[in-house]
C-alpha atoms as a PDB file:
ATOM      1  CA  MET A   1       9.055  -5.879 -16.768  1.00  0.00           C
ATOM      2  CA  GLU A   2       9.555  -7.883 -13.220  1.00  0.00           C
ATOM      3  CA  PRO A   3      12.936  -5.390 -13.023  1.00  0.00           C
ATOM      4  CA  VAL A   4      10.923  -2.112 -13.872  1.00  0.00           C
ATOM      5  CA  ILE A   5       8.230  -2.868 -11.772  1.00  0.00           C
ATOM      6  CA  ARG A   6      10.835  -3.920  -9.103  1.00  0.00           C
ATOM      7  CA  ARG A   7      12.317  -0.528  -9.006  1.00  0.00           C
ATOM      8  CA  TYR A   8       9.370   0.810  -8.623  1.00  0.00           C
ATOM      9  CA  GLY A   9       8.987  -0.647  -4.943  1.00  0.00           C
ATOM     10  CA  GLY A  10       7.217  -3.579  -6.664  1.00  0.00           C
ATOM     11  CA  ILE A  11       3.887  -1.357  -8.101  1.00  0.00           C
ATOM     12  CA  ALA A  12       4.126   0.409 -10.841  1.00  0.00           C
ATOM     13  CA  SER A  13       1.551   2.525 -12.737  1.00  0.00           C
ATOM     14  CA  ARG A  14       1.210   2.240 -16.637  1.00  0.00           C
ATOM     15  CA  ALA A  15       2.270   5.771 -17.527  1.00  0.00           C
ATOM     16  CA  GLU A  16       5.660   4.202 -15.970  1.00  0.00           C
ATOM     17  CA  LEU A  17       5.993   1.328 -17.842  1.00  0.00           C
ATOM     18  CA  LEU A  18       5.285   3.176 -20.630  1.00  0.00           C
ATOM     19  CA  ALA A  19       8.018   6.103 -19.428  1.00  0.00           C
ATOM     20  CA  ALA A  20      10.584   3.187 -18.922  1.00  0.00           C
ATOM     21  CA  GLY A  21      10.031   1.875 -22.805  1.00  0.00           C
ATOM     22  CA  TRP A  22       7.035  -0.367 -23.594  1.00  0.00           C
ATOM     23  CA  THR A  23       4.527   0.171 -25.771  1.00  0.00           C
ATOM     24  CA  PRO A  24       0.830  -0.180 -24.967  1.00  0.00           C
ATOM     25  CA  THR A  25       0.905  -3.395 -26.999  1.00  0.00           C
ATOM     26  CA  ASP A  26       3.819  -4.985 -25.240  1.00  0.00           C
ATOM     27  CA  LEU A  27       1.466  -4.154 -21.680  1.00  0.00           C
ATOM     28  CA  TRP A  28      -1.675  -5.927 -23.266  1.00  0.00           C
ATOM     29  CA  LEU A  29       0.549  -8.808 -24.574  1.00  0.00           C
ATOM     30  CA  ALA A  30       2.081  -9.001 -21.104  1.00  0.00           C
ATOM     31  CA  ASP A  31      -0.973  -8.758 -19.513  1.00  0.00           C
ATOM     32  CA  LYS A  32      -3.142 -11.304 -21.641  1.00  0.00           C
ATOM     33  CA  TYR A  33      -1.058 -13.747 -21.346  1.00  0.00           C
ATOM     34  CA  GLY A  34      -0.163 -13.570 -17.662  1.00  0.00           C
ATOM     35  CA  ASP A  35       2.887 -12.368 -17.652  1.00  0.00           C
ATOM     36  CA  LEU A  36       2.068  -9.130 -15.998  1.00  0.00           C
ATOM     37  CA  ASP A  37       0.693  -8.908 -12.501  1.00  0.00           C
ATOM     38  CA  ARG A  38      -2.268  -6.292 -12.856  1.00  0.00           C
ATOM     39  CA  ILE A  39      -3.679  -5.418  -9.588  1.00  0.00           C
ATOM     40  CA  ARG A  40      -6.272  -2.660 -10.776  1.00  0.00           C
ATOM     41  CA  ARG A  41      -6.564  -0.805 -13.584  1.00  0.00           C
ATOM     42  CA  GLY A  42      -3.313   1.223 -14.512  1.00  0.00           C
ATOM     43  CA  TRP A  43      -1.787  -0.660 -11.670  1.00  0.00           C
ATOM     44  CA  TYR A  44       0.986  -3.625 -12.212  1.00  0.00           C
ATOM     45  CA  ALA A  45       2.504  -5.434  -9.439  1.00  0.00           C
ATOM     46  CA  SER A  46       5.894  -7.218  -9.171  1.00  0.00           C
ATOM     47  CA  SER A  47       5.352 -11.209  -8.244  1.00  0.00           C
ATOM     48  CA  ASP A  48       7.105 -10.861  -5.291  1.00  0.00           C
ATOM     49  CA  LEU A  49       4.718  -7.949  -3.855  1.00  0.00           C
ATOM     50  CA  PRO A  50       3.323  -9.279  -0.200  1.00  0.00           C
ATOM     51  CA  ASP A  51      -0.110 -10.443  -0.039  1.00  0.00           C
ATOM     52  CA  ASP A  52      -1.197  -7.137   2.292  1.00  0.00           C
ATOM     53  CA  ALA A  53       0.540  -4.502  -0.190  1.00  0.00           C
ATOM     54  CA  ARG A  54      -1.619  -6.106  -3.393  1.00  0.00           C
ATOM     55  CA  ALA A  55      -4.927  -5.956  -1.400  1.00  0.00           C
ATOM     56  CA  ALA A  56      -4.452  -2.811  -0.080  1.00  0.00           C
ATOM     57  CA  TRP A  57      -3.238  -1.619  -3.684  1.00  0.00           C
ATOM     58  CA  ALA A  58      -6.374  -3.321  -5.506  1.00  0.00           C
ATOM     59  CA  ALA A  59      -8.626  -1.088  -2.811  1.00  0.00           C
ATOM     60  CA  GLY A  60      -6.849   2.252  -3.809  1.00  0.00           C
ATOM     61  CA  GLY A  61      -3.480   2.726  -2.246  1.00  0.00           C
ATOM     62  CA  PRO A  62      -0.944   1.749   0.201  1.00  0.00           C
ATOM     63  CA  LEU A  63      -1.385   0.552   3.657  1.00  0.00           C
ATOM     64  CA  ALA A  64      -2.153   2.500   6.829  1.00  0.00           C
ATOM     65  CA  CYS A  65      -2.890   2.424  10.418  1.00  0.00           C
ATOM     66  CA  VAL A  66      -3.082  -1.068  11.825  1.00  0.00           C
ATOM     67  CA  SER A  67      -2.305  -2.893   8.513  1.00  0.00           C
ATOM     68  CA  ALA A  68       0.936  -0.549   8.087  1.00  0.00           C
ATOM     69  CA  LEU A  69       1.619  -1.602  11.805  1.00  0.00           C
ATOM     70  CA  LEU A  70       1.578  -5.095  11.259  1.00  0.00           C
ATOM     71  CA  HIS A  71       3.309  -4.724   7.734  1.00  0.00           C
ATOM     72  CA  HIS A  72       6.386  -3.367   9.378  1.00  0.00           C
ATOM     73  CA  GLY A  73       6.581  -5.894  11.228  1.00  0.00           C
ATOM     74  CA  MET A  74       5.831  -3.191  14.793  1.00  0.00           C
ATOM     75  CA  LEU A  75       3.209  -5.508  15.850  1.00  0.00           C
ATOM     76  CA  PRO A  76       3.181  -9.445  16.450  1.00  0.00           C
ATOM     77  CA  PRO A  77       0.528 -10.967  14.381  1.00  0.00           C
ATOM     78  CA  ASP A  78      -2.869 -11.603  15.970  1.00  0.00           C
ATOM     79  CA  ASP A  79      -5.521 -14.397  15.101  1.00  0.00           C
ATOM     80  CA  ASP A  80      -8.137 -11.680  15.437  1.00  0.00           C
ATOM     81  CA  ASP A  81      -6.043  -8.873  13.331  1.00  0.00           C
ATOM     82  CA  ALA A  82      -8.548  -9.690  10.016  1.00  0.00           C
ATOM     83  CA  ALA A  83     -11.534  -8.738  12.264  1.00  0.00           C
ATOM     84  CA  LEU A  84     -10.015  -5.371  12.247  1.00  0.00           C
ATOM     85  CA  GLY A  85      -9.885  -4.927   8.588  1.00  0.00           C
ATOM     86  CA  LEU A  86      -7.708  -3.825   5.750  1.00  0.00           C
ATOM     87  CA  HIS A  87      -6.654   0.208   6.478  1.00  0.00           C
ATOM     88  CA  ILE A  88      -5.017   1.918   3.578  1.00  0.00           C
ATOM     89  CA  ALA A  89      -4.158   5.351   2.717  1.00  0.00           C
ATOM     90  CA  ILE A  90      -6.514   7.041   0.453  1.00  0.00           C
ATOM     91  CA  ALA A  91      -6.000  10.999  -1.063  1.00  0.00           C
ATOM     92  CA  ALA A  92      -8.180  13.364   0.349  1.00  0.00           C
ATOM     93  CA  ASP A  93      -9.367  14.069  -3.213  1.00  0.00           C
ATOM     94  CA  ALA A  94     -10.013  10.507  -4.247  1.00  0.00           C
ATOM     95  CA  HIS A  95     -13.649   9.509  -5.561  1.00  0.00           C
ATOM     96  CA  ARG A  96     -14.156   6.336  -3.821  1.00  0.00           C
ATOM     97  CA  ILE A  97     -12.521   2.731  -2.584  1.00  0.00           C
ATOM     98  CA  ARG A  98     -11.583   0.399  -5.793  1.00  0.00           C
ATOM     99  CA  ARG A  99     -13.969  -2.882  -4.970  1.00  0.00           C
ATOM    100  CA  GLY A 100     -12.666  -5.494  -7.554  1.00  0.00           C
ATOM    101  CA  PRO A 101     -14.745  -8.676  -8.158  1.00  0.00           C
ATOM    102  CA  ASP A 102     -12.731 -10.605  -6.449  1.00  0.00           C
ATOM    103  CA  GLU A 103     -14.734 -12.599  -3.160  1.00  0.00           C
ATOM    104  CA  ALA A 104     -12.070 -12.020  -1.070  1.00  0.00           C
ATOM    105  CA  ARG A 105     -11.668  -8.335  -1.431  1.00  0.00           C
ATOM    106  CA  ALA A 106     -14.937  -7.934  -1.000  1.00  0.00           C
ATOM    107  CA  ALA A 107     -15.416 -10.217   2.037  1.00  0.00           C
ATOM    108  CA  THR A 108     -12.289  -8.055   3.875  1.00  0.00           C
ATOM    109  CA  LEU A 109     -13.384  -4.228   5.731  1.00  0.00           C
ATOM    110  CA  VAL A 110     -11.390  -1.803   3.660  1.00  0.00           C
ATOM    111  CA  VAL A 111     -10.856   1.056   6.035  1.00  0.00           C
ATOM    112  CA  PRO A 112      -9.818   4.064   4.337  1.00  0.00           C
ATOM    113  CA  HIS A 113      -7.794   6.738   5.982  1.00  0.00           C
ATOM    114  CA  TRP A 114      -8.176  10.015   3.908  1.00  0.00           C
ATOM    115  CA  SER A 115      -5.637  12.464   3.692  1.00  0.00           C
ATOM    116  CA  THR A 116      -3.312  13.065   1.035  1.00  0.00           C
ATOM    117  CA  ALA A 117      -0.137  14.126   2.924  1.00  0.00           C
ATOM    118  CA  ASP A 118      -0.263  10.365   5.096  1.00  0.00           C
ATOM    119  CA  ARG A 119      -0.407   8.454   1.959  1.00  0.00           C
ATOM    120  CA  CYS A 120       2.480  10.248   0.322  1.00  0.00           C
ATOM    121  CA  SER A 121       4.466   9.394   3.773  1.00  0.00           C
ATOM    122  CA  GLY A 122       6.324   6.156   3.438  1.00  0.00           C
ATOM    123  CA  SER A 123       6.562   4.036   0.420  1.00  0.00           C
ATOM    124  CA  ARG A 124       4.419   2.881  -2.468  1.00  0.00           C
ATOM    125  CA  LEU A 125       3.173  -0.807   0.408  1.00  0.00           C
ATOM    126  CA  ALA A 126       2.898   1.466   3.335  1.00  0.00           C
ATOM    127  CA  VAL A 127       2.717   4.996   5.229  1.00  0.00           C
ATOM    128  CA  SER A 128       5.957   5.483   7.475  1.00  0.00           C
ATOM    129  CA  PRO A 129       5.504   3.714  10.910  1.00  0.00           C
ATOM    130  CA  SER A 130       5.315   7.020  12.710  1.00  0.00           C
ATOM    131  CA  VAL A 131       2.074   7.999  10.167  1.00  0.00           C
ATOM    132  CA  ALA A 132       0.578   4.370  10.791  1.00  0.00           C
ATOM    133  CA  LEU A 133       0.930   4.984  14.449  1.00  0.00           C
ATOM    134  CA  ARG A 134      -0.710   8.231  14.432  1.00  0.00           C
ATOM    135  CA  GLN A 135      -3.397   7.125  12.698  1.00  0.00           C
ATOM    136  CA  ALA A 136      -4.009   3.806  14.742  1.00  0.00           C
ATOM    137  CA  ARG A 137      -4.190   5.923  17.962  1.00  0.00           C
ATOM    138  CA  GLY A 138      -7.032   8.081  16.431  1.00  0.00           C
ATOM    139  CA  CYS A 139      -8.849   4.905  14.478  1.00  0.00           C
ATOM    140  CA  THR A 140     -11.416   2.677  16.463  1.00  0.00           C
ATOM    141  CA  ARG A 141     -11.698   1.462  19.800  1.00  0.00           C
ATOM    142  CA  ALA A 142     -10.366  -2.033  18.430  1.00  0.00           C
ATOM    143  CA  VAL A 143      -7.266  -0.405  16.989  1.00  0.00           C
ATOM    144  CA  ARG A 144      -6.258   1.771  19.748  1.00  0.00           C
ATOM    145  CA  ALA A 145      -6.713  -1.346  21.988  1.00  0.00           C
ATOM    146  CA  ARG A 146      -4.111  -3.305  19.599  1.00  0.00           C
ATOM    147  CA  VAL A 147      -2.050  -0.467  19.376  1.00  0.00           C
ATOM    148  CA  ARG A 148      -1.863  -0.235  23.327  1.00  0.00           C
ATOM    149  CA  SER A 149       0.276  -4.060  23.215  1.00  0.00           C
ATOM    150  CA  LEU A 150       2.835  -1.935  21.666  1.00  0.00           C
ATOM    151  CA  PRO A 151       5.746  -1.935  23.849  1.00  0.00           C
ATOM    152  CA  ARG A 152       7.113   1.808  24.252  1.00  0.00           C
ATOM    153  CA  ALA A 153      10.313   1.166  23.185  1.00  0.00           C
ATOM    154  CA  ALA A 154       9.241  -0.317  19.664  1.00  0.00           C
ATOM    155  CA  GLN A 155       7.161   3.003  19.190  1.00  0.00           C
ATOM    156  CA  PRO A 156       8.783   5.461  16.622  1.00  0.00           C
ATOM    157  CA  VAL A 157       9.671   8.920  17.579  1.00  0.00           C
ATOM    158  CA  VAL A 158       6.219  10.780  15.601  1.00  0.00           C
ATOM    159  CA  HIS A 159       7.366  14.269  15.366  1.00  0.00           C
ATOM    160  CA  HIS A 160      10.506  14.006  13.516  1.00  0.00           C
ATOM    161  CA  GLU A 161      11.326  11.064  11.019  1.00  0.00           C
ATOM    162  CA  PRO A 162      12.702  11.424   8.119  1.00  0.00           C
ATOM    163  CA  ARG A 163      11.310  10.592   4.713  1.00  0.00           C
ATOM    164  CA  MET A 164      11.533   6.648   4.245  1.00  0.00           C
ATOM    165  CA  ARG A 165      13.853   5.509   1.588  1.00  0.00           C
ATOM    166  CA  GLY A 166      12.500   4.056  -1.797  1.00  0.00           C
ATOM    167  CA  LEU A 167       9.549   5.536  -3.655  1.00  0.00           C
ATOM    168  CA  SER A 168       6.735   7.063  -2.182  1.00  0.00           C
ATOM    169  CA  SER A 169       2.988   6.601  -3.310  1.00  0.00           C
ATOM    170  CA  CYS A 170       3.502   9.759  -4.743  1.00  0.00           C
ATOM    171  CA  SER A 171       6.269  10.006  -6.394  1.00  0.00           C
ATOM    172  CA  VAL A 172       6.499   9.479 -10.294  1.00  0.00           C
ATOM    173  CA  THR A 173       9.673   8.935 -11.861  1.00  0.00           C
ATOM    174  CA  VAL A 174      11.507   7.896 -14.461  1.00  0.00           C
ATOM    175  CA  ALA A 175      13.012   4.583 -14.982  1.00  0.00           C
ATOM    176  CA  ARG A 176      14.685   3.439 -18.235  1.00  0.00           C
ATOM    177  CA  ARG A 177      14.175  -0.467 -19.573  1.00  0.00           C
END
């Protein structure tokens, strides 16, 4: 199943795995015996999925705002980044942020950015760099201060960015096994 999940950018839904030819029994057995990494109900991750993207999807969506800028390598890591929280993109019509039983996730501040368009702007891992920068410029004072350290030359053009390659967090396509 790992190659199929990787074709979906490292994160695949149950429906996508079923469409790729796996049966519900295959998925259940793979999950039960540890051959499948379920990050939340109905969503599975490849073994090489970055920890930040894994945590974001466990909470409900792709990385957003300052978390996405860090993921894209546009901001250098800082010791105080954990205090800013995990910023995720949530569809505007979503019901809630998911909280898992994992203590590490429960201790992490999750900051939702409610926008279906933003959620669909990048890949399944993170919103696009320009959307992340726009979100960060309108976020908390601490996040705005962190983004001010971003060199102007490294900042993406916000107006006319082409859609990123790879699957959007909103796209559903069928891949065959």
